Amino acid sequence: MTYKTISFEVENSLAKVTLNRPEVLNALSVDMASELTDVFQQLHSREDVRAVVLSGTGRAFCSGGDVKQMLQVLDKDPSSFFSEPLKTYHRMVMAIRELPKPVIAAINGLATGAGFSLALACDARIAAETARFSMAF
């Protein structure tokens, strides 16, 4: 499957999943959460993969939820924000947590809000000296 918001490759039994929206510091959109869910569900049955590294392109791991997208949803139907998008994010976290292989967050920069939560969903975290963490909510 081709992804629009993440990149995915397997080399030497290691899967590399990379958030790939550097123009918005890898802000977590509903599409990105769906793609992450898909790739982690696929990894569940891949016998050629022994571990997974999750990272971000550019200067951020993940800057949190995509605020522009949130505002668009809230403007159209505020009640829908607390149903479908949150269910999508929950499925993403559960796909990571239920993977029977170690998932390592390689945190190369900002990990804020939902990005911090995404890092915490992983089994282990390795942070660069440039990494910054914040829970904005």
Protein backbone atom coordinates (compact mmCIF):
# COMPACT_ATOMS: atom_id res chain seq x y z
CA MET A 1 0.00 0.00 0.00
CA THR A 2 1.18 3.52 -0.76
CA TYR A 3 0.98 6.01 2.08
CA LYS A 4 0.61 9.80 1.85
CA THR A 5 1.56 10.89 5.37
CA ILE A 6 4.07 8.24 6.46
CA SER A 7 6.88 6.26 4.91
CA PHE A 8 7.49 2.58 5.57
CA GLU A 9 10.35 0.23 4.81
CA VAL A 10 11.75 -3.05 6.05
CA GLU A 11 15.47 -3.78 6.08
CA ASN A 12 17.29 -6.56 7.92
CA SER A 13 14.22 -7.55 9.99
CA LEU A 14 13.73 -3.92 11.12
CA ALA A 15 10.64 -1.99 10.08
CA LYS A 16 11.08 1.77 9.86
CA VAL A 17 7.88 3.81 10.08
CA THR A 18 8.41 7.54 9.62
CA LEU A 19 5.89 10.33 10.06
CA ASN A 20 6.25 12.36 6.88
CA ARG A 21 4.55 15.75 7.14
CA PRO A 22 7.58 17.92 7.96
CA GLU A 23 5.87 21.08 6.67
CA VAL A 24 3.56 20.91 9.73
CA LEU A 25 6.12 19.31 12.07
CA ASN A 26 4.46 15.91 11.53
CA ALA A 27 1.17 17.03 13.06
CA LEU A 28 -1.08 14.02 13.59
CA SER A 29 -4.04 14.11 11.21
CA VAL A 30 -6.86 11.59 10.94
CA ASP A 31 -5.30 10.33 7.70
CA MET A 32 -1.93 9.84 9.39
CA ALA A 33 -3.54 7.99 12.29
CA SER A 34 -5.38 5.71 9.82
CA GLU A 35 -2.18 5.02 7.91
CA LEU A 36 -0.27 4.27 11.12
CA THR A 37 -3.05 1.90 12.19
CA ASP A 38 -2.88 0.14 8.85
CA VAL A 39 0.90 -0.31 8.87
CA PHE A 40 1.01 -1.54 12.49
CA GLN A 41 -1.81 -4.00 11.82
CA GLN A 42 0.11 -5.32 8.80
CA LEU A 43 3.27 -5.67 10.88
CA HIS A 44 1.41 -7.93 13.28
CA SER A 45 1.54 -10.82 10.80
CA ARG A 46 4.90 -10.10 9.17
CA GLU A 47 7.32 -12.82 10.22
CA ASP A 48 10.23 -11.05 8.49
CA VAL A 49 10.00 -8.14 10.97
CA ARG A 50 11.44 -8.48 14.46
CA ALA A 51 11.28 -4.84 15.66
CA VAL A 52 9.91 -1.45 14.63
CA VAL A 53 11.38 2.04 14.83
CA LEU A 54 8.93 4.96 14.70
CA SER A 55 10.37 8.38 13.92
CA GLY A 56 9.57 11.70 12.26
CA THR A 57 10.92 13.46 9.18
CA GLY A 58 12.55 16.84 9.70
CA ARG A 59 12.96 18.64 12.99
CA ALA A 60 10.01 17.09 14.85
CA PHE A 61 8.90 13.65 15.93
CA CYS A 62 5.27 14.83 16.10
CA SER A 63 4.03 18.28 17.08
CA GLY A 64 0.67 16.99 18.26
CA GLY A 65 -2.75 16.94 16.71
CA ASP A 66 -3.35 18.77 13.45
CA VAL A 67 -5.04 21.87 14.87
CA LYS A 68 -6.19 23.15 11.45
CA GLN A 69 -7.96 19.86 10.81
CA MET A 70 -9.48 19.93 14.32
CA LEU A 71 -10.87 23.42 13.74
CA GLN A 72 -12.42 22.36 10.43
CA VAL A 73 -14.18 19.44 12.13
CA LEU A 74 -15.30 21.61 15.06
CA ASP A 75 -16.68 24.26 12.70
CA LYS A 76 -18.76 21.70 10.78
CA ASP A 77 -20.01 19.46 13.58
CA PRO A 78 -18.50 19.79 17.09
CA SER A 79 -20.04 16.53 18.29
CA SER A 80 -18.35 14.55 15.51
CA PHE A 81 -14.91 15.58 16.80
CA PHE A 82 -15.46 13.47 19.89
CA SER A 83 -16.56 10.43 17.97
CA GLU A 84 -14.82 9.42 14.75
CA PRO A 85 -11.43 11.18 15.03
CA LEU A 86 -10.92 10.03 18.61
CA LYS A 87 -11.91 6.48 17.67
CA THR A 88 -9.34 6.62 14.86
CA TYR A 89 -6.61 7.78 17.28
CA HIS A 90 -7.60 5.06 19.75
CA ARG A 91 -7.33 2.36 17.04
CA MET A 92 -3.86 3.70 16.17
CA VAL A 93 -2.61 3.50 19.76
CA MET A 94 -4.07 0.03 20.21
CA ALA A 95 -2.44 -1.19 16.97
CA ILE A 96 0.93 -0.08 18.36
CA ARG A 97 0.32 -1.47 21.86
CA GLU A 98 -0.95 -4.84 20.60
CA LEU A 99 1.98 -5.46 18.26
CA PRO A 100 3.88 -8.47 19.64
CA LYS A 101 7.20 -6.94 18.55
CA PRO A 102 9.12 -4.13 20.22
CA VAL A 103 8.30 -0.64 18.96
CA ILE A 104 10.96 1.98 19.60
CA ALA A 105 10.21 5.69 19.27
CA ALA A 106 13.26 7.51 17.89
CA ILE A 107 12.45 11.04 19.00
CA ASN A 108 14.42 13.50 16.92
CA GLY A 109 12.74 16.77 17.98
CA LEU A 110 9.38 17.98 19.23
CA ALA A 111 7.05 15.41 20.80
CA THR A 112 4.14 17.47 22.06
CA GLY A 113 0.51 16.75 22.89
CA ALA A 114 -0.65 13.80 20.81
CA GLY A 115 2.95 13.36 19.64
CA PHE A 116 4.03 12.80 23.24
CA SER A 117 1.19 10.30 23.62
CA LEU A 118 2.31 8.57 20.42
CA ALA A 119 5.83 8.23 21.83
CA LEU A 120 4.42 6.85 25.10
CA ALA A 121 2.45 4.20 23.16
CA CYS A 122 5.77 2.69 22.06
CA ASP A 123 7.64 0.12 24.14
CA ALA A 124 10.80 2.20 24.41
CA ARG A 125 11.88 5.74 23.61
CA ILE A 126 15.25 7.04 22.50
CA ALA A 127 15.51 10.82 22.42
CA ALA A 128 18.04 13.02 20.68
CA GLU A 129 19.53 15.91 22.64
CA THR A 130 17.31 18.17 20.52
CA ALA A 131 14.13 16.37 21.64
CA ARG A 132 11.54 18.39 23.53
CA PHE A 133 8.48 17.01 25.30
CA SER A 134 5.27 18.76 26.30
CA MET A 135 1.71 17.82 27.19
CA ALA A 136 -0.24 20.78 25.92
CA PHE A 137 -3.68 19.63 27.02
